[in-house]
């Protein structure tokens, strides 16, 4: 048996290749995956869907069998998204932020090719890209390290860049990562402080629910 947890999260660009490889390997093996990705679910021979909600509202098997059964049972939350009965609507209007920007110029760290990047402040910003595209080089190695050095006098060594403007608009920078703070890798700042519990309750009560959270 091969067991994988959310493989599409780290190899999205090659997800189809991964699924084809797993499909060829299942002839003599069992493949067990925990996943939210629609393409992976549609490729599965068998789906076990837990729910019907999260936290106290979960813990039950709401569907099990060939994946089309999830489509046929209209009361299943996952099935509603797979059939298109439910979908995540994009907001018609986006936040405009506070008009201020953090601007990185001449980023050349690792594989970054002399990039000029603007981060509009007061917004939810997502930096995306395939594995190895330069996300961590830009955000972790340059932006975070420069800000922590300028704002908190941290002894960091930022990656190569020419200039960063707009630091005066910020008063602090806080890194929240998944590093374990106890003996178990499951213990990270978010779990230790109990942050996930109220977030889950908020999402359960909210009209806007993102199944990938």
N, C-alpha and C. Protein backbone atom coordinates (compact mmCIF):
# COMPACT_ATOMS: atom_id res chain seq x y z
N UNK A 1 0.84 -1.20 0.00
CA UNK A 1 0.00 0.00 0.00
C UNK A 1 0.88 1.25 0.00
N UNK A 2 0.51 2.21 -0.84
CA UNK A 2 1.15 3.52 -0.85
C UNK A 2 0.18 4.53 -0.24
N UNK A 3 0.67 5.33 0.70
CA UNK A 3 -0.17 6.30 1.40
C UNK A 3 0.38 7.70 1.16
N UNK A 4 -0.48 8.63 0.72
CA UNK A 4 -0.05 10.00 0.45
C UNK A 4 -1.06 10.98 1.02
N UNK A 5 -0.57 12.12 1.50
CA UNK A 5 -1.43 13.15 2.05
C UNK A 5 -1.34 14.41 1.20
N UNK A 6 -2.44 14.78 0.56
CA UNK A 6 -2.56 16.00 -0.24
C UNK A 6 -1.39 16.21 -1.21
N UNK A 7 -1.10 15.24 -2.07
CA UNK A 7 0.03 15.39 -2.99
C UNK A 7 -0.12 16.54 -3.97
N UNK A 8 -1.37 16.90 -4.31
CA UNK A 8 -1.57 17.96 -5.30
C UNK A 8 -1.14 19.32 -4.78
N UNK A 9 -1.04 19.46 -3.45
CA UNK A 9 -0.68 20.75 -2.87
C UNK A 9 0.73 21.18 -3.23
N UNK A 10 1.62 20.20 -3.45
CA UNK A 10 3.02 20.54 -3.70
C UNK A 10 3.46 20.29 -5.14
N UNK A 11 2.67 19.54 -5.90
CA UNK A 11 3.09 19.24 -7.28
C UNK A 11 1.95 19.50 -8.25
N UNK A 12 1.25 20.61 -8.06
CA UNK A 12 0.06 20.88 -8.86
C UNK A 12 0.35 20.90 -10.37
N UNK A 13 1.50 21.39 -10.76
CA UNK A 13 1.79 21.49 -12.19
C UNK A 13 1.91 20.12 -12.84
N UNK A 14 2.32 19.10 -12.06
CA UNK A 14 2.49 17.76 -12.58
C UNK A 14 1.45 16.80 -12.01
N UNK A 15 0.30 17.33 -11.60
CA UNK A 15 -0.71 16.50 -10.95
C UNK A 15 -1.21 15.41 -11.88
N UNK A 16 -1.41 15.73 -13.17
CA UNK A 16 -1.89 14.74 -14.11
C UNK A 16 -0.88 13.62 -14.30
N UNK A 17 0.39 13.96 -14.32
CA UNK A 17 1.43 12.95 -14.45
C UNK A 17 1.46 12.03 -13.23
N UNK A 18 1.28 12.64 -12.04
CA UNK A 18 1.23 11.84 -10.82
C UNK A 18 0.06 10.87 -10.86
N UNK A 19 -1.11 11.36 -11.26
CA UNK A 19 -2.29 10.51 -11.29
C UNK A 19 -2.13 9.37 -12.30
N UNK A 20 -1.51 9.65 -13.43
CA UNK A 20 -1.27 8.60 -14.42
C UNK A 20 -0.32 7.54 -13.88
N UNK A 21 0.70 7.99 -13.13
CA UNK A 21 1.65 7.06 -12.53
C UNK A 21 0.97 6.18 -11.49
N UNK A 22 0.12 6.79 -10.66
CA UNK A 22 -0.61 6.03 -9.64
C UNK A 22 -1.58 5.05 -10.27
N UNK A 23 -2.19 5.47 -11.37
CA UNK A 23 -3.13 4.58 -12.06
C UNK A 23 -2.44 3.34 -12.59
N UNK A 24 -1.21 3.50 -13.08
CA UNK A 24 -0.47 2.35 -13.59
C UNK A 24 0.04 1.46 -12.47
N UNK A 25 0.25 2.07 -11.29
CA UNK A 25 0.79 1.31 -10.16
C UNK A 25 -0.29 0.55 -9.40
N UNK A 26 -1.55 0.90 -9.60
CA UNK A 26 -2.61 0.28 -8.81
C UNK A 26 -2.93 -1.14 -9.24
N UNK A 27 -2.39 -1.57 -10.38
CA UNK A 27 -2.68 -2.93 -10.85
C UNK A 27 -2.13 -3.98 -9.91
N UNK A 28 -1.06 -3.66 -9.20
CA UNK A 28 -0.48 -4.61 -8.26
C UNK A 28 -0.32 -4.01 -6.87
N UNK A 29 -0.89 -2.81 -6.66
CA UNK A 29 -0.75 -2.14 -5.36
C UNK A 29 -2.06 -1.45 -4.98
N UNK A 30 -2.15 -1.08 -3.73
CA UNK A 30 -3.26 -0.27 -3.24
C UNK A 30 -2.75 1.14 -3.01
N UNK A 31 -3.47 2.13 -3.53
CA UNK A 31 -3.09 3.53 -3.39
C UNK A 31 -4.12 4.21 -2.49
N UNK A 32 -3.66 4.77 -1.38
CA UNK A 32 -4.55 5.46 -0.43
C UNK A 32 -4.12 6.92 -0.33
N UNK A 33 -5.04 7.83 -0.64
CA UNK A 33 -4.72 9.25 -0.67
C UNK A 33 -5.77 10.06 0.10
N UNK A 34 -5.31 11.00 0.90
CA UNK A 34 -6.19 12.01 1.50
C UNK A 34 -6.06 13.26 0.64
N UNK A 35 -7.17 13.73 0.10
CA UNK A 35 -7.06 14.81 -0.90
C UNK A 35 -8.36 15.60 -1.01
N UNK A 36 -8.24 16.88 -1.41
CA UNK A 36 -9.39 17.73 -1.71
C UNK A 36 -9.48 18.03 -3.20
N UNK A 37 -8.45 17.71 -3.94
CA UNK A 37 -8.35 18.10 -5.34
C UNK A 37 -9.40 17.38 -6.19
N UNK A 38 -10.15 18.14 -7.00
CA UNK A 38 -11.23 17.56 -7.79
C UNK A 38 -10.73 16.55 -8.81
N UNK A 39 -9.63 16.85 -9.48
CA UNK A 39 -9.11 15.94 -10.50
C UNK A 39 -8.71 14.61 -9.89
N UNK A 40 -8.14 14.66 -8.68
CA UNK A 40 -7.75 13.42 -8.00
C UNK A 40 -8.98 12.62 -7.61
N UNK A 41 -10.01 13.30 -7.11
CA UNK A 41 -11.23 12.59 -6.72
C UNK A 41 -11.90 11.93 -7.91
N UNK A 42 -11.92 12.63 -9.04
CA UNK A 42 -12.55 12.06 -10.23
C UNK A 42 -11.75 10.89 -10.80
N UNK A 43 -10.45 10.85 -10.49
CA UNK A 43 -9.61 9.77 -10.99
C UNK A 43 -9.65 8.53 -10.10
N UNK A 44 -10.20 8.69 -8.91
CA UNK A 44 -10.22 7.59 -7.95
C UNK A 44 -11.22 6.51 -8.36
N UNK A 45 -10.90 5.27 -8.02
CA UNK A 45 -11.83 4.16 -8.23
C UNK A 45 -12.85 4.08 -7.11
N UNK A 46 -12.45 4.57 -5.95
CA UNK A 46 -13.30 4.43 -4.75
C UNK A 46 -13.10 5.66 -3.89
N UNK A 47 -14.20 6.23 -3.40
CA UNK A 47 -14.13 7.40 -2.54
C UNK A 47 -14.79 7.10 -1.20
N UNK A 48 -14.12 7.49 -0.13
CA UNK A 48 -14.70 7.45 1.21
C UNK A 48 -14.80 8.90 1.66
N UNK A 49 -16.01 9.40 1.79
CA UNK A 49 -16.24 10.81 2.11
C UNK A 49 -16.67 10.94 3.56
N UNK A 50 -15.91 11.70 4.35
CA UNK A 50 -16.24 11.92 5.75
C UNK A 50 -16.91 13.27 5.93
N UNK A 51 -17.69 13.39 6.99
CA UNK A 51 -18.40 14.63 7.25
C UNK A 51 -19.49 14.40 8.28
N UNK A 52 -20.65 15.04 8.15
CA UNK A 52 -21.02 15.92 7.03
C UNK A 52 -20.41 17.32 7.12
N UNK A 53 -19.88 17.69 8.29
CA UNK A 53 -19.23 18.98 8.47
C UNK A 53 -17.84 18.79 9.00
N UNK A 54 -17.33 19.81 9.68
CA UNK A 54 -16.02 19.73 10.30
C UNK A 54 -16.12 19.82 11.81
N UNK A 55 -15.05 19.43 12.50
CA UNK A 55 -15.05 19.50 13.96
C UNK A 55 -16.11 18.60 14.56
N UNK A 56 -16.95 19.15 15.43
CA UNK A 56 -18.00 18.38 16.08
C UNK A 56 -19.05 17.89 15.11
N UNK A 57 -19.13 18.54 13.97
CA UNK A 57 -20.14 18.15 12.97
C UNK A 57 -19.64 17.06 12.03
N UNK A 58 -18.40 16.60 12.23
CA UNK A 58 -17.83 15.58 11.36
C UNK A 58 -17.73 14.23 12.05
N UNK A 59 -16.84 13.40 11.52
CA UNK A 59 -16.60 12.10 12.14
C UNK A 59 -17.49 10.98 11.66
N UNK A 60 -18.26 11.20 10.60
CA UNK A 60 -19.13 10.16 10.06
C UNK A 60 -18.79 9.87 8.61
N UNK A 61 -19.05 8.66 8.17
CA UNK A 61 -18.90 8.31 6.76
C UNK A 61 -20.21 8.65 6.08
N UNK A 62 -20.18 9.63 5.20
CA UNK A 62 -21.40 10.07 4.53
C UNK A 62 -21.56 9.44 3.15
N UNK A 63 -20.47 8.90 2.61
CA UNK A 63 -20.55 8.20 1.32
C UNK A 63 -19.33 7.31 1.18
N UNK A 64 -19.53 6.16 0.58
CA UNK A 64 -18.43 5.24 0.32
C UNK A 64 -18.79 4.38 -0.87
N UNK A 65 -17.84 4.25 -1.79
CA UNK A 65 -18.09 3.44 -2.97
C UNK A 65 -17.47 4.07 -4.20
N UNK A 66 -17.97 3.69 -5.38
CA UNK A 66 -17.48 4.27 -6.61
C UNK A 66 -17.76 5.76 -6.60
N UNK A 67 -16.86 6.55 -7.16
CA UNK A 67 -16.97 8.00 -7.00
C UNK A 67 -18.27 8.60 -7.53
N UNK A 68 -18.94 7.94 -8.45
CA UNK A 68 -20.19 8.50 -8.96
C UNK A 68 -21.27 8.52 -7.88
N UNK A 69 -21.13 7.70 -6.84
CA UNK A 69 -22.13 7.71 -5.77
C UNK A 69 -22.13 9.05 -5.04
N UNK A 70 -20.97 9.68 -4.94
CA UNK A 70 -20.92 11.00 -4.32
C UNK A 70 -21.68 12.00 -5.17
N UNK A 71 -21.68 11.79 -6.49
CA UNK A 71 -22.40 12.70 -7.38
C UNK A 71 -23.91 12.48 -7.23
N UNK A 72 -24.30 11.25 -7.08
CA UNK A 72 -25.72 10.90 -7.09
C UNK A 72 -26.43 11.32 -5.81
N UNK A 73 -25.71 11.36 -4.70
CA UNK A 73 -26.34 11.69 -3.43
C UNK A 73 -26.29 13.20 -3.23
N UNK A 74 -27.39 13.87 -3.51
CA UNK A 74 -27.41 15.33 -3.49
C UNK A 74 -27.19 15.91 -2.10
N UNK A 75 -27.39 15.11 -1.04
CA UNK A 75 -27.21 15.63 0.31
C UNK A 75 -25.76 15.68 0.75
N UNK A 76 -24.86 15.12 -0.03
CA UNK A 76 -23.45 15.07 0.33
C UNK A 76 -22.78 16.38 -0.06
N UNK A 77 -22.05 16.98 0.88
CA UNK A 77 -21.41 18.27 0.62
C UNK A 77 -20.40 18.17 -0.52
N UNK A 78 -19.54 17.15 -0.50
CA UNK A 78 -18.55 16.97 -1.56
C UNK A 78 -19.22 16.76 -2.90
N UNK A 79 -20.25 15.94 -2.93
CA UNK A 79 -20.96 15.66 -4.16
C UNK A 79 -21.58 16.90 -4.78
N UNK A 80 -22.05 17.82 -3.94
CA UNK A 80 -22.66 19.05 -4.47
C UNK A 80 -21.65 19.88 -5.24
N UNK A 81 -20.40 19.88 -4.76
CA UNK A 81 -19.36 20.63 -5.48
C UNK A 81 -18.95 19.90 -6.76
N UNK A 82 -18.90 18.57 -6.69
CA UNK A 82 -18.50 17.80 -7.88
C UNK A 82 -19.54 17.87 -8.99
N UNK A 83 -20.81 17.98 -8.62
CA UNK A 83 -21.87 18.07 -9.63
C UNK A 83 -22.11 19.50 -10.09
N UNK A 84 -21.54 20.47 -9.39
CA UNK A 84 -21.75 21.85 -9.76
C UNK A 84 -22.92 22.51 -9.07
N UNK A 85 -23.61 21.76 -8.20
CA UNK A 85 -24.74 22.34 -7.46
C UNK A 85 -24.25 23.46 -6.54
N UNK A 86 -23.07 23.25 -5.96
CA UNK A 86 -22.42 24.28 -5.16
C UNK A 86 -21.11 24.66 -5.83
N UNK A 87 -20.71 25.88 -5.69
CA UNK A 87 -19.42 26.32 -6.21
C UNK A 87 -18.94 27.53 -5.42
N UNK A 88 -17.66 27.76 -5.48
CA UNK A 88 -17.07 28.88 -4.76
C UNK A 88 -17.12 30.10 -5.67
N UNK A 89 -17.89 31.08 -5.27
CA UNK A 89 -18.04 32.28 -6.07
C UNK A 89 -16.90 33.25 -5.78
N UNK A 90 -16.37 33.83 -6.83
CA UNK A 90 -15.36 34.85 -6.65
C UNK A 90 -16.04 36.18 -6.35
N UNK A 91 -15.48 36.98 -5.48
CA UNK A 91 -16.12 38.27 -5.16
C UNK A 91 -16.18 39.17 -6.38
N UNK A 92 -17.30 39.87 -6.54
CA UNK A 92 -17.47 40.76 -7.68
C UNK A 92 -16.57 41.99 -7.56
N UNK A 93 -16.33 42.40 -6.33
CA UNK A 93 -15.48 43.55 -6.10
C UNK A 93 -14.33 43.15 -5.18
N UNK A 94 -13.13 43.57 -5.52
CA UNK A 94 -11.95 43.28 -4.72
C UNK A 94 -11.61 44.46 -3.81
N UNK A 95 -11.01 44.16 -2.67
CA UNK A 95 -10.53 45.22 -1.80
C UNK A 95 -9.48 46.06 -2.51
N UNK A 96 -9.44 47.33 -2.22
CA UNK A 96 -8.50 48.23 -2.87
C UNK A 96 -7.25 48.48 -2.04
N UNK A 97 -7.24 47.99 -0.79
CA UNK A 97 -6.07 48.19 0.06
C UNK A 97 -6.00 49.61 0.58
N UNK A 98 -4.86 49.95 1.14
CA UNK A 98 -4.72 51.28 1.72
C UNK A 98 -3.95 52.24 0.81
N UNK A 99 -3.64 51.80 -0.40
CA UNK A 99 -2.95 52.66 -1.35
C UNK A 99 -1.44 52.67 -1.22
N UNK A 100 -0.92 51.99 -0.19
CA UNK A 100 0.53 51.95 0.02
C UNK A 100 1.10 50.63 -0.52
N UNK A 101 2.39 50.62 -0.82
CA UNK A 101 2.99 49.45 -1.42
C UNK A 101 4.39 49.16 -0.86
N UNK A 102 4.70 47.89 -0.82
CA UNK A 102 6.07 47.46 -0.53
C UNK A 102 6.64 47.02 -1.87
N UNK A 103 7.74 47.64 -2.28
CA UNK A 103 8.28 47.40 -3.62
C UNK A 103 9.68 46.80 -3.53
N UNK A 104 9.84 45.64 -4.12
CA UNK A 104 11.14 44.97 -4.19
C UNK A 104 11.71 45.18 -5.59
N UNK A 105 12.94 45.64 -5.65
CA UNK A 105 13.57 45.88 -6.95
C UNK A 105 14.87 45.08 -7.06
N UNK A 106 15.07 44.52 -8.24
CA UNK A 106 16.32 43.81 -8.52
C UNK A 106 16.54 42.56 -7.72
N UNK A 107 15.50 41.75 -7.52
CA UNK A 107 15.64 40.49 -6.78
C UNK A 107 16.35 39.46 -7.65
N UNK A 108 17.53 39.01 -7.18
CA UNK A 108 18.34 38.06 -7.95
C UNK A 108 18.70 36.81 -7.17
N UNK A 109 18.08 36.60 -6.03
CA UNK A 109 18.44 35.47 -5.18
C UNK A 109 18.06 34.15 -5.84
N UNK A 110 18.97 33.17 -5.77
CA UNK A 110 18.77 31.85 -6.38
C UNK A 110 18.37 32.01 -7.86
N UNK A 111 17.17 31.55 -8.24
CA UNK A 111 16.81 31.61 -9.66
C UNK A 111 15.99 32.84 -10.03
N UNK A 112 15.84 33.81 -9.12
CA UNK A 112 15.09 35.03 -9.44
C UNK A 112 15.88 35.87 -10.43
N UNK A 113 15.23 36.27 -11.48
CA UNK A 113 15.92 36.93 -12.60
C UNK A 113 15.71 38.44 -12.57
N UNK A 114 16.36 39.09 -11.59
CA UNK A 114 16.35 40.56 -11.49
C UNK A 114 14.92 41.10 -11.47
N UNK A 115 14.09 40.55 -10.58
CA UNK A 115 12.67 40.88 -10.55
C UNK A 115 12.39 42.19 -9.83
N UNK A 116 11.37 42.91 -10.33
CA UNK A 116 10.79 44.05 -9.64
C UNK A 116 9.36 43.64 -9.28
N UNK A 117 9.04 43.63 -7.98
CA UNK A 117 7.73 43.13 -7.53
C UNK A 117 7.10 44.15 -6.59
N UNK A 118 5.81 44.41 -6.78
CA UNK A 118 5.07 45.31 -5.89
C UNK A 118 4.06 44.51 -5.07
N UNK A 119 4.05 44.75 -3.76
CA UNK A 119 3.09 44.12 -2.85
C UNK A 119 2.15 45.22 -2.32
N UNK A 120 0.91 45.30 -2.82
CA UNK A 120 -0.04 46.30 -2.31
C UNK A 120 -0.42 45.97 -0.87
N UNK A 121 -0.31 46.94 0.01
CA UNK A 121 -0.54 46.70 1.43
C UNK A 121 -2.02 46.82 1.79
N UNK A 122 -2.40 46.16 2.88
CA UNK A 122 -3.79 46.17 3.31
C UNK A 122 -4.65 45.16 2.59
N UNK A 123 -4.01 44.19 1.93
CA UNK A 123 -4.73 43.19 1.16
C UNK A 123 -4.28 41.78 1.54
N UNK A 124 -5.05 40.80 1.13
CA UNK A 124 -4.68 39.39 1.25
C UNK A 124 -3.92 39.05 -0.03
N UNK A 125 -2.61 38.84 0.07
CA UNK A 125 -1.77 38.60 -1.09
C UNK A 125 -1.33 37.14 -1.11
N UNK A 126 -1.44 36.50 -2.24
CA UNK A 126 -1.01 35.11 -2.39
C UNK A 126 0.06 35.02 -3.46
N UNK A 127 1.22 34.49 -3.10
CA UNK A 127 2.31 34.28 -4.05
C UNK A 127 2.27 32.81 -4.47
N UNK A 128 2.10 32.55 -5.74
CA UNK A 128 1.92 31.18 -6.21
C UNK A 128 3.00 30.81 -7.23
N UNK A 129 2.95 29.55 -7.64
CA UNK A 129 3.91 29.06 -8.63
C UNK A 129 4.27 27.62 -8.34
N UNK A 130 4.78 26.92 -9.32
CA UNK A 130 5.15 25.52 -9.14
C UNK A 130 6.34 25.42 -8.19
N UNK A 131 6.58 24.22 -7.72
CA UNK A 131 7.71 23.98 -6.83
C UNK A 131 9.02 24.39 -7.52
N UNK A 132 9.81 25.20 -6.84
CA UNK A 132 11.08 25.65 -7.40
C UNK A 132 10.99 26.90 -8.25
N UNK A 133 9.81 27.53 -8.32
CA UNK A 133 9.63 28.71 -9.17
C UNK A 133 10.28 29.95 -8.59
N UNK A 134 10.52 29.96 -7.27
CA UNK A 134 11.16 31.12 -6.64
C UNK A 134 10.32 31.79 -5.57
N UNK A 135 9.22 31.16 -5.15
CA UNK A 135 8.32 31.75 -4.15
C UNK A 135 9.05 31.99 -2.83
N UNK A 136 9.69 30.97 -2.33
CA UNK A 136 10.40 31.09 -1.05
C UNK A 136 11.60 32.01 -1.16
N UNK A 137 12.26 31.98 -2.30
CA UNK A 137 13.41 32.86 -2.50
C UNK A 137 12.99 34.32 -2.40
N UNK A 138 11.83 34.63 -2.96
CA UNK A 138 11.35 36.01 -2.94
C UNK A 138 10.79 36.40 -1.58
N UNK A 139 9.85 35.60 -1.08
CA UNK A 139 9.14 35.99 0.14
C UNK A 139 9.94 35.71 1.41
N UNK A 140 10.44 34.48 1.53
CA UNK A 140 11.15 34.10 2.76
C UNK A 140 12.56 34.69 2.82
N UNK A 141 13.31 34.50 1.74
CA UNK A 141 14.73 34.85 1.78
C UNK A 141 15.01 36.33 1.56
N UNK A 142 14.08 37.03 0.92
CA UNK A 142 14.30 38.47 0.70
C UNK A 142 13.35 39.32 1.53
N UNK A 143 12.05 39.25 1.24
CA UNK A 143 11.09 40.14 1.90
C UNK A 143 11.10 39.96 3.42
N UNK A 144 10.89 38.74 3.88
CA UNK A 144 10.81 38.52 5.34
C UNK A 144 12.12 38.86 6.04
N UNK A 145 13.23 38.41 5.48
CA UNK A 145 14.51 38.64 6.15
C UNK A 145 14.90 40.12 6.17
N UNK A 146 14.58 40.83 5.09
CA UNK A 146 14.86 42.27 5.08
C UNK A 146 13.99 43.00 6.10
N UNK A 147 12.70 42.67 6.15
CA UNK A 147 11.81 43.33 7.08
C UNK A 147 12.16 43.02 8.53
N UNK A 148 12.48 41.78 8.82
CA UNK A 148 12.85 41.42 10.19
C UNK A 148 14.14 42.10 10.61
N UNK A 149 15.01 42.31 9.66
CA UNK A 149 16.28 42.99 9.95
C UNK A 149 16.06 44.49 10.17
N UNK A 150 15.25 45.10 9.33
CA UNK A 150 15.01 46.54 9.43
C UNK A 150 14.10 46.91 10.59
N UNK A 151 13.07 46.09 10.81
CA UNK A 151 12.06 46.43 11.82
C UNK A 151 12.38 45.89 13.20
N UNK A 152 13.11 44.76 13.26
CA UNK A 152 13.35 44.11 14.55
C UNK A 152 14.84 43.89 14.85
N UNK A 153 15.70 44.41 13.98
CA UNK A 153 17.15 44.27 14.15
C UNK A 153 17.58 42.81 14.26
N UNK A 154 16.88 41.96 13.51
CA UNK A 154 17.22 40.53 13.50
C UNK A 154 18.52 40.32 12.73
N UNK A 155 19.27 39.31 13.14
CA UNK A 155 20.54 39.00 12.48
C UNK A 155 20.30 38.04 11.32
N UNK A 156 19.60 38.54 10.32
CA UNK A 156 19.29 37.72 9.16
C UNK A 156 20.18 38.10 7.98
N UNK A 157 20.30 37.19 7.03
CA UNK A 157 21.08 37.42 5.82
C UNK A 157 20.17 37.29 4.61
N UNK A 158 19.59 38.40 4.17
CA UNK A 158 18.65 38.34 3.04
C UNK A 158 19.35 37.91 1.75
N UNK A 159 18.54 37.41 0.83
CA UNK A 159 19.04 37.08 -0.50
C UNK A 159 19.36 38.35 -1.27
N UNK A 160 19.92 38.17 -2.44
CA UNK A 160 20.39 39.32 -3.23
C UNK A 160 19.22 40.12 -3.81
N UNK A 161 19.28 41.44 -3.60
CA UNK A 161 18.29 42.36 -4.15
C UNK A 161 18.95 43.74 -4.25
N UNK A 162 18.35 44.64 -5.02
CA UNK A 162 18.93 45.98 -5.17
C UNK A 162 18.34 46.98 -4.18
N UNK A 163 17.02 46.95 -4.03
CA UNK A 163 16.37 47.95 -3.19
C UNK A 163 14.98 47.48 -2.78
N UNK A 164 14.56 47.88 -1.57
CA UNK A 164 13.18 47.65 -1.12
C UNK A 164 12.64 48.97 -0.60
N UNK A 165 11.54 49.43 -1.19
CA UNK A 165 10.91 50.69 -0.79
C UNK A 165 9.57 50.41 -0.13
N UNK A 166 9.19 51.29 0.79
CA UNK A 166 7.88 51.18 1.43
C UNK A 166 7.92 50.55 2.81
N UNK A 167 9.12 50.25 3.32
CA UNK A 167 9.23 49.63 4.64
C UNK A 167 8.65 50.55 5.72
N UNK A 168 8.70 51.86 5.48
CA UNK A 168 8.20 52.82 6.48
C UNK A 168 6.70 52.69 6.70
N UNK A 169 5.98 51.99 5.83
CA UNK A 169 4.55 51.80 5.99
C UNK A 169 4.22 50.66 6.94
N UNK A 170 5.23 49.89 7.36
CA UNK A 170 5.03 48.74 8.23
C UNK A 170 5.70 48.98 9.58
N UNK A 171 5.13 48.40 10.64
CA UNK A 171 5.74 48.55 11.96
C UNK A 171 6.25 47.23 12.53
N UNK A 172 5.86 46.13 11.91
CA UNK A 172 6.35 44.83 12.38
C UNK A 172 6.12 43.79 11.30
N UNK A 173 6.83 42.67 11.40
CA UNK A 173 6.61 41.52 10.53
C UNK A 173 6.63 40.28 11.40
N UNK A 174 5.67 39.41 11.19
CA UNK A 174 5.52 38.20 12.01
C UNK A 174 5.48 36.99 11.09
N UNK A 175 6.33 36.05 11.34
CA UNK A 175 6.35 34.82 10.54
C UNK A 175 5.55 33.74 11.25
N UNK A 176 4.60 33.16 10.54
CA UNK A 176 3.82 32.03 11.04
C UNK A 176 4.08 30.86 10.12
N UNK A 177 4.84 29.90 10.59
CA UNK A 177 5.17 28.75 9.75
C UNK A 177 4.65 27.47 10.37
N UNK A 178 5.02 26.35 9.79
CA UNK A 178 4.56 25.05 10.27
C UNK A 178 5.64 24.31 11.05
N UNK A 179 6.63 25.03 11.54
CA UNK A 179 7.69 24.39 12.30
C UNK A 179 7.15 23.88 13.62
N UNK A 180 7.47 22.65 14.00
CA UNK A 180 6.99 22.11 15.28
C UNK A 180 7.62 22.86 16.46
N UNK A 181 6.81 23.10 17.49
CA UNK A 181 7.33 23.75 18.69
C UNK A 181 7.33 22.81 19.88
N UNK A 182 7.01 21.55 19.62
CA UNK A 182 7.02 20.54 20.67
C UNK A 182 7.72 19.29 20.18
N UNK A 183 7.42 18.19 20.80
CA UNK A 183 8.06 16.92 20.42
C UNK A 183 7.40 16.30 19.20
N UNK A 184 6.22 16.73 18.88
CA UNK A 184 5.51 16.17 17.74
C UNK A 184 5.44 17.18 16.61
N UNK A 185 5.61 16.74 15.36
CA UNK A 185 5.52 17.67 14.23
C UNK A 185 4.12 18.25 14.06
N UNK A 186 3.11 17.66 14.72
CA UNK A 186 1.76 18.20 14.64
C UNK A 186 1.60 19.45 15.50
N UNK A 187 2.57 19.69 16.39
CA UNK A 187 2.49 20.84 17.28
C UNK A 187 3.21 22.02 16.66
N UNK A 188 2.45 22.95 16.10
CA UNK A 188 3.01 24.17 15.52
C UNK A 188 2.29 25.35 16.14
N UNK A 189 2.70 26.59 15.86
CA UNK A 189 2.08 27.74 16.52
C UNK A 189 0.56 27.78 16.41
N UNK A 190 0.02 27.42 15.24
CA UNK A 190 -1.42 27.50 15.06
C UNK A 190 -2.16 26.49 15.93
N UNK A 191 -1.64 25.25 16.01
CA UNK A 191 -2.30 24.24 16.83
C UNK A 191 -2.08 24.51 18.31
N UNK A 192 -0.91 24.99 18.66
CA UNK A 192 -0.57 25.23 20.06
C UNK A 192 -1.45 26.32 20.66
N UNK A 193 -1.70 27.37 19.91
CA UNK A 193 -2.51 28.48 20.41
C UNK A 193 -4.00 28.24 20.26
N UNK A 194 -4.37 27.15 19.60
CA UNK A 194 -5.79 26.85 19.39
C UNK A 194 -6.42 27.69 18.30
N UNK A 195 -5.61 28.20 17.40
CA UNK A 195 -6.11 29.09 16.35
C UNK A 195 -7.07 28.37 15.42
N UNK A 196 -6.80 27.10 15.11
CA UNK A 196 -7.61 26.39 14.13
C UNK A 196 -9.04 26.16 14.60
N UNK A 197 -9.24 25.99 15.90
CA UNK A 197 -10.59 25.71 16.43
C UNK A 197 -11.57 26.82 16.11
N UNK A 198 -11.30 28.08 16.50
CA UNK A 198 -12.25 29.14 16.15
C UNK A 198 -12.36 29.38 14.65
N UNK A 199 -11.27 29.12 13.89
CA UNK A 199 -11.34 29.28 12.45
C UNK A 199 -12.31 28.27 11.85
N UNK A 200 -12.23 27.02 12.33
CA UNK A 200 -13.14 25.99 11.82
C UNK A 200 -14.59 26.34 12.17
N UNK A 201 -14.82 26.81 13.41
CA UNK A 201 -16.18 27.18 13.81
C UNK A 201 -16.69 28.34 12.97
N UNK A 202 -15.81 29.30 12.69
CA UNK A 202 -16.20 30.44 11.87
C UNK A 202 -16.59 30.00 10.46
N UNK A 203 -15.79 29.08 9.89
CA UNK A 203 -16.08 28.60 8.54
C UNK A 203 -17.38 27.80 8.50
N UNK A 204 -17.64 27.04 9.57
CA UNK A 204 -18.88 26.25 9.61
C UNK A 204 -20.10 27.14 9.66
N UNK A 205 -19.99 28.30 10.33
CA UNK A 205 -21.12 29.21 10.46
C UNK A 205 -21.22 30.17 9.28
N UNK A 206 -20.15 30.26 8.50
CA UNK A 206 -20.12 31.22 7.41
C UNK A 206 -20.89 30.71 6.22
N UNK A 207 -21.45 31.64 5.45
CA UNK A 207 -22.13 31.25 4.21
C UNK A 207 -21.12 30.90 3.12
N UNK A 208 -19.90 31.44 3.24
CA UNK A 208 -18.86 31.17 2.26
C UNK A 208 -17.95 30.10 2.82
N UNK A 209 -17.98 28.93 2.26
CA UNK A 209 -17.18 27.82 2.76
C UNK A 209 -16.23 27.36 1.69
N UNK A 210 -14.96 27.30 2.02
CA UNK A 210 -13.95 26.85 1.07
C UNK A 210 -13.54 25.45 1.46
N UNK A 211 -13.84 24.44 0.66
CA UNK A 211 -13.52 23.06 1.03
C UNK A 211 -12.03 22.77 1.08
N UNK A 212 -11.18 23.68 0.58
CA UNK A 212 -9.75 23.44 0.60
C UNK A 212 -9.11 23.94 1.87
N UNK A 213 -9.86 24.62 2.76
CA UNK A 213 -9.29 25.10 4.01
C UNK A 213 -9.29 24.02 5.06
